[in-house]
Amino acid sequence: MPEDGALTVTTPEQFKALGHPMRHRLLFALAQEDATISQLAAALGSNKGNVAHHLKMLVGAGLVRPVGTRTVRGGTEQYYERTFRKLAFDDVATTEAAFRALAADVATAEADPFVVMRGLRLSAAHAEQLTATLRDLADQADDGGDHPLYGLLLGLYRPAQARPGDGPPRASDPT
């Protein structure tokens, strides 16, 4: 793992593994603590076969690895952990899958989740400054301790094309 814990998605196996929302949900769950298939199935409201299938894809892509075992009722269960602290990707399909998984988590979140989406008009210098601030916030977030896990989604992007109404007001626009 790189020193900062970041993993940039580059291989076809990684992109394929991140193409399903359940795998993102598993990665979110494993961010809190290492877990077995049974523990993950219970936490995500799924069955063990489904979780095992998706974990196999994540292990094959190098995003999750086995880290230990425990004995239960005469059998042995494998614990799994993420192989990264932060994940970076910029392809459309993976982003869409991540947002579907995020929507599922927000829909079942405890308390009142805080999610805001809005447009900002920024100079190039302000956009650079805000991007640097968001990166610092993500890098400084504490991943350890006994505190509850919170999801954090940060993003700043400029749409590829201007949308209607994005330009300066025209004389014919109502004010």
C-alpha atoms as a PDB file:
ATOM      1  CA  MET A   1       0.000   0.000   0.000  1.00  0.00           C
ATOM      2  CA  PRO A   2       1.335   3.450  -0.803  1.00  0.00           C
ATOM      3  CA  GLU A   3       2.507   5.520   2.163  1.00  0.00           C
ATOM      4  CA  ASP A   4      -0.644   7.691   2.156  1.00  0.00           C
ATOM      5  CA  GLY A   5      -2.887   4.624   1.906  1.00  0.00           C
ATOM      6  CA  ALA A   6      -4.266   5.673  -1.480  1.00  0.00           C
ATOM      7  CA  LEU A   7      -4.893   3.150  -4.221  1.00  0.00           C
ATOM      8  CA  THR A   8      -5.478   4.367  -7.749  1.00  0.00           C
ATOM      9  CA  VAL A   9      -7.690   2.014  -9.726  1.00  0.00           C
ATOM     10  CA  THR A  10      -5.801   1.029 -12.882  1.00  0.00           C
ATOM     11  CA  THR A  11      -6.352  -2.632 -13.756  1.00  0.00           C
ATOM     12  CA  PRO A  12      -9.296  -4.157 -15.632  1.00  0.00           C
ATOM     13  CA  GLU A  13      -9.910  -6.467 -12.633  1.00  0.00           C
ATOM     14  CA  GLN A  14     -10.183  -3.489 -10.294  1.00  0.00           C
ATOM     15  CA  PHE A  15     -12.571  -1.615 -12.578  1.00  0.00           C
ATOM     16  CA  LYS A  16     -14.711  -4.739 -12.989  1.00  0.00           C
ATOM     17  CA  ALA A  17     -14.737  -5.364  -9.239  1.00  0.00           C
ATOM     18  CA  LEU A  18     -15.903  -1.794  -8.613  1.00  0.00           C
ATOM     19  CA  GLY A  19     -18.697  -2.100 -11.164  1.00  0.00           C
ATOM     20  CA  HIS A  20     -21.276  -3.363  -8.673  1.00  0.00           C
ATOM     21  CA  PRO A  21     -22.806  -1.370  -5.797  1.00  0.00           C
ATOM     22  CA  MET A  22     -22.685  -4.346  -3.391  1.00  0.00           C
ATOM     23  CA  ARG A  23     -18.889  -4.386  -3.683  1.00  0.00           C
ATOM     24  CA  HIS A  24     -18.757  -0.709  -2.758  1.00  0.00           C
ATOM     25  CA  ARG A  25     -20.985  -1.434   0.227  1.00  0.00           C
ATOM     26  CA  LEU A  26     -18.613  -4.229   1.273  1.00  0.00           C
ATOM     27  CA  LEU A  27     -15.642  -1.867   0.993  1.00  0.00           C
ATOM     28  CA  PHE A  28     -17.505   0.723   3.090  1.00  0.00           C
ATOM     29  CA  ALA A  29     -18.269  -1.927   5.733  1.00  0.00           C
ATOM     30  CA  LEU A  30     -14.654  -3.112   5.787  1.00  0.00           C
ATOM     31  CA  ALA A  31     -13.522   0.480   6.343  1.00  0.00           C
ATOM     32  CA  GLN A  32     -14.889   0.226   9.879  1.00  0.00           C
ATOM     33  CA  GLU A  33     -13.223  -3.052  10.829  1.00  0.00           C
ATOM     34  CA  ASP A  34     -12.095  -6.406   9.507  1.00  0.00           C
ATOM     35  CA  ALA A  35     -15.011  -8.803   9.190  1.00  0.00           C
ATOM     36  CA  THR A  36     -16.064 -12.323   8.224  1.00  0.00           C
ATOM     37  CA  ILE A  37     -18.549 -13.237   5.518  1.00  0.00           C
ATOM     38  CA  SER A  38     -21.191 -13.907   8.197  1.00  0.00           C
ATOM     39  CA  GLN A  39     -20.598 -10.537   9.856  1.00  0.00           C
ATOM     40  CA  LEU A  40     -20.736  -8.707   6.522  1.00  0.00           C
ATOM     41  CA  ALA A  41     -23.908 -10.522   5.464  1.00  0.00           C
ATOM     42  CA  ALA A  42     -25.621  -9.554   8.723  1.00  0.00           C
ATOM     43  CA  ALA A  43     -24.415  -5.945   8.553  1.00  0.00           C
ATOM     44  CA  LEU A  44     -25.525  -5.476   4.940  1.00  0.00           C
ATOM     45  CA  GLY A  45     -28.765  -7.466   5.118  1.00  0.00           C
ATOM     46  CA  SER A  46     -27.612  -9.942   2.491  1.00  0.00           C
ATOM     47  CA  ASN A  47     -26.974 -13.672   2.379  1.00  0.00           C
ATOM     48  CA  LYS A  48     -23.570 -15.284   2.882  1.00  0.00           C
ATOM     49  CA  GLY A  49     -23.420 -16.692  -0.661  1.00  0.00           C
ATOM     50  CA  ASN A  50     -23.926 -13.254  -2.194  1.00  0.00           C
ATOM     51  CA  VAL A  51     -21.313 -11.688   0.092  1.00  0.00           C
ATOM     52  CA  ALA A  52     -18.845 -14.512  -0.612  1.00  0.00           C
ATOM     53  CA  HIS A  53     -19.259 -14.046  -4.365  1.00  0.00           C
ATOM     54  CA  HIS A  54     -18.629 -10.303  -4.218  1.00  0.00           C
ATOM     55  CA  LEU A  55     -15.717 -10.680  -1.766  1.00  0.00           C
ATOM     56  CA  LYS A  56     -14.091 -13.146  -4.161  1.00  0.00           C
ATOM     57  CA  MET A  57     -14.202 -10.480  -6.885  1.00  0.00           C
ATOM     58  CA  LEU A  58     -12.681  -7.879  -4.538  1.00  0.00           C
ATOM     59  CA  VAL A  59      -9.935 -10.268  -3.415  1.00  0.00           C
ATOM     60  CA  GLY A  60      -9.155 -11.159  -7.031  1.00  0.00           C
ATOM     61  CA  ALA A  61      -8.784  -7.480  -7.848  1.00  0.00           C
ATOM     62  CA  GLY A  62      -6.475  -6.888  -4.887  1.00  0.00           C
ATOM     63  CA  LEU A  63      -8.916  -4.541  -3.127  1.00  0.00           C
ATOM     64  CA  VAL A  64      -9.535  -6.896  -0.178  1.00  0.00           C
ATOM     65  CA  ARG A  65      -7.359  -9.570   1.405  1.00  0.00           C
ATOM     66  CA  PRO A  66      -7.812 -12.313   4.011  1.00  0.00           C
ATOM     67  CA  VAL A  67      -6.172 -11.409   7.336  1.00  0.00           C
ATOM     68  CA  GLY A  68      -7.024 -14.014   9.938  1.00  0.00           C
ATOM     69  CA  THR A  69      -9.454 -16.678  11.050  1.00  0.00           C
ATOM     70  CA  ARG A  70     -11.750 -17.524  13.925  1.00  0.00           C
ATOM     71  CA  THR A  71     -13.271 -20.832  14.968  1.00  0.00           C
ATOM     72  CA  VAL A  72     -17.048 -20.989  15.223  1.00  0.00           C
ATOM     73  CA  ARG A  73     -19.110 -24.110  15.946  1.00  0.00           C
ATOM     74  CA  GLY A  74     -16.421 -26.457  14.707  1.00  0.00           C
ATOM     75  CA  GLY A  75     -15.710 -24.436  11.565  1.00  0.00           C
ATOM     76  CA  THR A  76     -13.313 -21.697  10.647  1.00  0.00           C
ATOM     77  CA  GLU A  77     -14.318 -18.261   9.384  1.00  0.00           C
ATOM     78  CA  GLN A  78     -11.947 -16.022   7.453  1.00  0.00           C
ATOM     79  CA  TYR A  79     -11.584 -12.321   8.282  1.00  0.00           C
ATOM     80  CA  TYR A  80     -11.117  -9.822   5.454  1.00  0.00           C
ATOM     81  CA  GLU A  81      -9.674  -6.310   5.301  1.00  0.00           C
ATOM     82  CA  ARG A  82      -9.360  -3.581   2.671  1.00  0.00           C
ATOM     83  CA  THR A  83      -5.940  -3.163   1.077  1.00  0.00           C
ATOM     84  CA  PHE A  84      -6.211   0.622   0.960  1.00  0.00           C
ATOM     85  CA  ARG A  85      -7.290   3.619   3.003  1.00  0.00           C
ATOM     86  CA  LYS A  86      -8.421   5.785   0.084  1.00  0.00           C
ATOM     87  CA  LEU A  87      -9.548   4.773  -3.373  1.00  0.00           C
ATOM     88  CA  ALA A  88      -9.099   6.968  -6.441  1.00  0.00           C
ATOM     89  CA  PHE A  89     -10.885   6.435  -9.765  1.00  0.00           C
ATOM     90  CA  ASP A  90     -12.185   8.621 -12.538  1.00  0.00           C
ATOM     91  CA  ASP A  91     -14.140   6.450 -14.943  1.00  0.00           C
ATOM     92  CA  VAL A  92     -17.878   6.891 -15.430  1.00  0.00           C
ATOM     93  CA  ALA A  93     -19.020   3.319 -14.731  1.00  0.00           C
ATOM     94  CA  THR A  94     -17.143   3.043 -11.437  1.00  0.00           C
ATOM     95  CA  THR A  95     -18.334   6.487 -10.368  1.00  0.00           C
ATOM     96  CA  GLU A  96     -21.939   5.502 -11.131  1.00  0.00           C
ATOM     97  CA  ALA A  97     -21.592   2.269  -9.120  1.00  0.00           C
ATOM     98  CA  ALA A  98     -20.056   4.204  -6.216  1.00  0.00           C
ATOM     99  CA  PHE A  99     -22.953   6.673  -6.249  1.00  0.00           C
ATOM    100  CA  ARG A 100     -25.530   3.849  -6.297  1.00  0.00           C
ATOM    101  CA  ALA A 101     -23.817   2.307  -3.262  1.00  0.00           C
ATOM    102  CA  LEU A 102     -23.663   5.710  -1.585  1.00  0.00           C
ATOM    103  CA  ALA A 103     -27.387   6.252  -2.233  1.00  0.00           C
ATOM    104  CA  ALA A 104     -28.166   2.894  -0.616  1.00  0.00           C
ATOM    105  CA  ASP A 105     -26.070   3.805   2.427  1.00  0.00           C
ATOM    106  CA  VAL A 106     -27.632   7.267   2.746  1.00  0.00           C
ATOM    107  CA  ALA A 107     -31.130   5.776   2.447  1.00  0.00           C
ATOM    108  CA  THR A 108     -30.468   3.537   5.454  1.00  0.00           C
ATOM    109  CA  ALA A 109     -28.263   5.957   7.426  1.00  0.00           C
ATOM    110  CA  GLU A 110     -28.733   6.524  11.119  1.00  0.00           C
ATOM    111  CA  ALA A 111     -29.968   9.956  12.174  1.00  0.00           C
ATOM    112  CA  ASP A 112     -30.201  12.632   9.516  1.00  0.00           C
ATOM    113  CA  PRO A 113     -27.538  12.339   6.843  1.00  0.00           C
ATOM    114  CA  PHE A 114     -26.140  15.607   5.533  1.00  0.00           C
ATOM    115  CA  VAL A 115     -25.903  15.565   1.741  1.00  0.00           C
ATOM    116  CA  VAL A 116     -25.760  18.731  -0.338  1.00  0.00           C
ATOM    117  CA  MET A 117     -25.240  19.162  -4.049  1.00  0.00           C
ATOM    118  CA  ARG A 118     -24.962  22.598  -5.541  1.00  0.00           C
ATOM    119  CA  GLY A 119     -23.156  24.580  -8.154  1.00  0.00           C
ATOM    120  CA  LEU A 120     -20.496  27.127  -7.302  1.00  0.00           C
ATOM    121  CA  ARG A 121     -19.122  29.895  -9.466  1.00  0.00           C
ATOM    122  CA  LEU A 122     -15.384  29.958  -8.779  1.00  0.00           C
ATOM    123  CA  SER A 123     -12.353  31.562 -10.325  1.00  0.00           C
ATOM    124  CA  ALA A 124      -9.599  29.149 -11.361  1.00  0.00           C
ATOM    125  CA  ALA A 125      -7.601  30.211  -8.294  1.00  0.00           C
ATOM    126  CA  HIS A 126     -10.540  29.596  -5.943  1.00  0.00           C
ATOM    127  CA  ALA A 127     -11.216  26.205  -7.554  1.00  0.00           C
ATOM    128  CA  GLU A 128      -7.566  25.223  -6.977  1.00  0.00           C
ATOM    129  CA  GLN A 129      -7.744  26.443  -3.382  1.00  0.00           C
ATOM    130  CA  LEU A 130     -10.993  24.569  -2.684  1.00  0.00           C
ATOM    131  CA  THR A 131      -9.641  21.382  -4.276  1.00  0.00           C
ATOM    132  CA  ALA A 132      -6.514  21.586  -2.099  1.00  0.00           C
ATOM    133  CA  THR A 133      -8.665  22.145   1.008  1.00  0.00           C
ATOM    134  CA  LEU A 134     -10.883  19.141   0.179  1.00  0.00           C
ATOM    135  CA  ARG A 135      -7.808  16.947  -0.401  1.00  0.00           C
ATOM    136  CA  ASP A 136      -6.380  18.051   2.948  1.00  0.00           C
ATOM    137  CA  LEU A 137      -9.703  17.285   4.667  1.00  0.00           C
ATOM    138  CA  ALA A 138      -9.786  13.787   3.163  1.00  0.00           C
ATOM    139  CA  ASP A 139      -6.138  13.166   4.074  1.00  0.00           C
ATOM    140  CA  GLN A 140      -6.578  14.355   7.655  1.00  0.00           C
ATOM    141  CA  ALA A 141      -9.720  12.362   8.368  1.00  0.00           C
ATOM    142  CA  ASP A 142      -9.050   9.987  11.254  1.00  0.00           C
ATOM    143  CA  ASP A 143      -9.555   6.378  10.172  1.00  0.00           C
ATOM    144  CA  GLY A 144      -8.774   4.856  13.556  1.00  0.00           C
ATOM    145  CA  GLY A 145     -10.044   4.801  17.053  1.00  0.00           C
ATOM    146  CA  ASP A 146     -13.211   3.537  18.623  1.00  0.00           C
ATOM    147  CA  HIS A 147     -15.453   6.229  17.195  1.00  0.00           C
ATOM    148  CA  PRO A 148     -18.350   5.419  14.843  1.00  0.00           C
ATOM    149  CA  LEU A 149     -17.613   5.347  11.131  1.00  0.00           C
ATOM    150  CA  TYR A 150     -19.037   8.166   9.011  1.00  0.00           C
ATOM    151  CA  GLY A 151     -19.090   8.244   5.227  1.00  0.00           C
ATOM    152  CA  LEU A 152     -17.389  11.200   3.561  1.00  0.00           C
ATOM    153  CA  LEU A 153     -17.855  12.058  -0.087  1.00  0.00           C
ATOM    154  CA  LEU A 154     -15.952  15.028  -1.398  1.00  0.00           C
ATOM    155  CA  GLY A 155     -15.897  16.237  -4.942  1.00  0.00           C
ATOM    156  CA  LEU A 156     -15.356  19.287  -7.027  1.00  0.00           C
ATOM    157  CA  TYR A 157     -15.681  19.111 -10.765  1.00  0.00           C
ATOM    158  CA  ARG A 158     -16.433  21.323 -13.689  1.00  0.00           C
ATOM    159  CA  PRO A 159     -19.059  19.956 -16.075  1.00  0.00           C
ATOM    160  CA  ALA A 160     -17.663  19.247 -19.525  1.00  0.00           C
ATOM    161  CA  GLN A 161     -20.194  21.516 -21.221  1.00  0.00           C
ATOM    162  CA  ALA A 162     -22.042  24.563 -20.046  1.00  0.00           C
ATOM    163  CA  ARG A 163     -25.678  23.893 -19.317  1.00  0.00           C
ATOM    164  CA  PRO A 164     -28.496  26.265 -20.220  1.00  0.00           C
ATOM    165  CA  GLY A 165     -28.558  29.109 -17.756  1.00  0.00           C
ATOM    166  CA  ASP A 166     -24.882  28.735 -16.788  1.00  0.00           C
ATOM    167  CA  GLY A 167     -23.741  31.773 -18.740  1.00  0.00           C
ATOM    168  CA  PRO A 168     -24.118  35.416 -17.862  1.00  0.00           C
ATOM    169  CA  PRO A 169     -27.685  36.765 -17.907  1.00  0.00           C
ATOM    170  CA  ARG A 170     -28.887  37.994 -21.253  1.00  0.00           C
ATOM    171  CA  ALA A 171     -30.883  41.170 -21.723  1.00  0.00           C
ATOM    172  CA  SER A 172     -33.967  39.051 -22.480  1.00  0.00           C
ATOM    173  CA  ASP A 173     -33.665  36.991 -19.231  1.00  0.00           C
ATOM    174  CA  PRO A 174     -36.154  37.922 -16.506  1.00  0.00           C
ATOM    175  CA  THR A 175     -34.502  39.177 -13.347  1.00  0.00           C
END
